[in-house]
Structure formats: structure tokens, C-alpha cells
Amino acid sequence: MPRNIPIKVARAQLDMTQKQLAEKVGVSRQTINAIEQGEYNPSIKLCRAICRALEKTLDDLFWEEESNG
């Protein structure tokens, strides 16, 4: 699973830490870190909560480009 750079970028744009995002969506900071590192695949419910907290769409944060390999 690739790293989720868009979440990290969106957090930075809002000057929000992993801990602040985690508290806003009701998970641990370690969970947010694991999602950003590509080590955890969040539920759709958690994805939607993250999108609301970061004022982004699912496509903005979770869309994966198809690889032609």
C-alpha cells in the first residue's frame, strides 16, 4: 500500500498535527500515522471522517491512480 501523501499535505495546509486530526476523527495518533505511512487501510467511515476534518473529498485524499504495469 503506498504512502498517503495527500492527507499529510492537507493537514499541513490546515496547520493540523496528527494528534489533532486523530482527536477530531476519534482515533489514535498512531492510526493516523499508519494511514499516512500506508500501513493501515481505513474503513470508509474513517475515510469520510478524515475528509470532513480536512475539508477534502474522498477523491482528493484516497484516489489511487491506476498503474500501467
C-alpha atoms as a PDB file:
ATOM      1  CA  MET A   1       0.000   0.000   0.000  1.00  0.00           C
ATOM      2  CA  PRO A   2       1.526   3.379  -0.976  1.00  0.00           C
ATOM      3  CA  ARG A   3       2.011   6.242   1.451  1.00  0.00           C
ATOM      4  CA  ASN A   4      -0.860   8.680   1.701  1.00  0.00           C
ATOM      5  CA  ILE A   5       0.880  11.984   0.996  1.00  0.00           C
ATOM      6  CA  PRO A   6      -2.386  13.891   0.269  1.00  0.00           C
ATOM      7  CA  ILE A   7      -3.513  13.519   3.905  1.00  0.00           C
ATOM      8  CA  LYS A   8      -0.193  14.853   5.159  1.00  0.00           C
ATOM      9  CA  VAL A   9      -0.380  17.790   2.722  1.00  0.00           C
ATOM     10  CA  ALA A  10      -3.995  18.564   3.660  1.00  0.00           C
ATOM     11  CA  ARG A  11      -3.075  18.500   7.363  1.00  0.00           C
ATOM     12  CA  ALA A  12      -0.179  20.878   6.742  1.00  0.00           C
ATOM     13  CA  GLN A  13      -2.429  23.273   4.829  1.00  0.00           C
ATOM     14  CA  LEU A  14      -4.679  23.471   7.905  1.00  0.00           C
ATOM     15  CA  ASP A  15      -1.670  23.593  10.287  1.00  0.00           C
ATOM     16  CA  MET A  16      -3.022  20.437  11.965  1.00  0.00           C
ATOM     17  CA  THR A  17      -0.937  17.792  13.725  1.00  0.00           C
ATOM     18  CA  GLN A  18      -1.556  14.062  13.503  1.00  0.00           C
ATOM     19  CA  LYS A  19      -2.747  14.215  17.116  1.00  0.00           C
ATOM     20  CA  GLN A  20      -5.258  16.989  16.358  1.00  0.00           C
ATOM     21  CA  LEU A  21      -6.628  15.105  13.343  1.00  0.00           C
ATOM     22  CA  ALA A  22      -6.827  11.893  15.361  1.00  0.00           C
ATOM     23  CA  GLU A  23      -8.794  13.604  18.134  1.00  0.00           C
ATOM     24  CA  LYS A  24     -11.145  15.181  15.602  1.00  0.00           C
ATOM     25  CA  VAL A  25     -11.987  11.826  13.967  1.00  0.00           C
ATOM     26  CA  GLY A  26     -11.896   9.675  17.121  1.00  0.00           C
ATOM     27  CA  VAL A  27      -8.816   7.504  16.573  1.00  0.00           C
ATOM     28  CA  SER A  28      -5.276   7.384  17.962  1.00  0.00           C
ATOM     29  CA  ARG A  29      -2.394   9.423  16.568  1.00  0.00           C
ATOM     30  CA  GLN A  30      -0.729   6.111  15.728  1.00  0.00           C
ATOM     31  CA  THR A  31      -3.679   5.232  13.469  1.00  0.00           C
ATOM     32  CA  ILE A  32      -3.300   8.492  11.525  1.00  0.00           C
ATOM     33  CA  ASN A  33       0.436   7.859  11.247  1.00  0.00           C
ATOM     34  CA  ALA A  34      -0.162   4.318   9.969  1.00  0.00           C
ATOM     35  CA  ILE A  35      -2.633   5.602   7.340  1.00  0.00           C
ATOM     36  CA  GLU A  36      -0.137   8.230   6.156  1.00  0.00           C
ATOM     37  CA  GLN A  37       2.633   5.616   6.032  1.00  0.00           C
ATOM     38  CA  GLY A  38       0.464   3.246   4.000  1.00  0.00           C
ATOM     39  CA  GLU A  39       0.490   0.638   6.765  1.00  0.00           C
ATOM     40  CA  TYR A  40      -3.239   0.748   7.559  1.00  0.00           C
ATOM     41  CA  ASN A  41      -6.268   0.666   5.273  1.00  0.00           C
ATOM     42  CA  PRO A  42      -9.013   2.696   6.989  1.00  0.00           C
ATOM     43  CA  SER A  43     -12.709   1.899   6.818  1.00  0.00           C
ATOM     44  CA  ILE A  44     -14.883   4.018   4.540  1.00  0.00           C
ATOM     45  CA  LYS A  45     -16.430   5.551   7.675  1.00  0.00           C
ATOM     46  CA  LEU A  46     -12.997   6.678   8.883  1.00  0.00           C
ATOM     47  CA  CYS A  47     -12.058   7.886   5.381  1.00  0.00           C
ATOM     48  CA  ARG A  48     -15.171  10.069   5.307  1.00  0.00           C
ATOM     49  CA  ALA A  49     -14.440  11.453   8.785  1.00  0.00           C
ATOM     50  CA  ILE A  50     -10.888  12.333   7.736  1.00  0.00           C
ATOM     51  CA  CYS A  51     -12.212  14.039   4.601  1.00  0.00           C
ATOM     52  CA  ARG A  52     -14.669  16.117   6.629  1.00  0.00           C
ATOM     53  CA  ALA A  53     -11.977  17.092   9.139  1.00  0.00           C
ATOM     54  CA  LEU A  54      -9.576  18.129   6.375  1.00  0.00           C
ATOM     55  CA  GLU A  55     -12.257  19.743   4.178  1.00  0.00           C
ATOM     56  CA  LYS A  56     -11.398  17.450   1.243  1.00  0.00           C
ATOM     57  CA  THR A  57     -13.209  14.862  -0.871  1.00  0.00           C
ATOM     58  CA  LEU A  58     -12.592  11.120  -0.938  1.00  0.00           C
ATOM     59  CA  ASP A  59     -11.042  11.565  -4.379  1.00  0.00           C
ATOM     60  CA  ASP A  60      -8.707  14.277  -3.044  1.00  0.00           C
ATOM     61  CA  LEU A  61      -7.315  12.076  -0.285  1.00  0.00           C
ATOM     62  CA  PHE A  62      -7.828   8.444  -1.222  1.00  0.00           C
ATOM     63  CA  TRP A  63      -7.932   8.128  -5.031  1.00  0.00           C
ATOM     64  CA  GLU A  64      -5.217   5.812  -6.301  1.00  0.00           C
ATOM     65  CA  GLU A  65      -4.002   6.193  -9.863  1.00  0.00           C
ATOM     66  CA  GLU A  66      -4.125   3.014 -11.929  1.00  0.00           C
ATOM     67  CA  SER A  67      -0.636   1.786 -12.788  1.00  0.00           C
ATOM     68  CA  ASN A  68       0.019   0.588 -16.293  1.00  0.00           C
ATOM     69  CA  GLY A  69       2.480  -2.039 -15.181  1.00  0.00           C
END
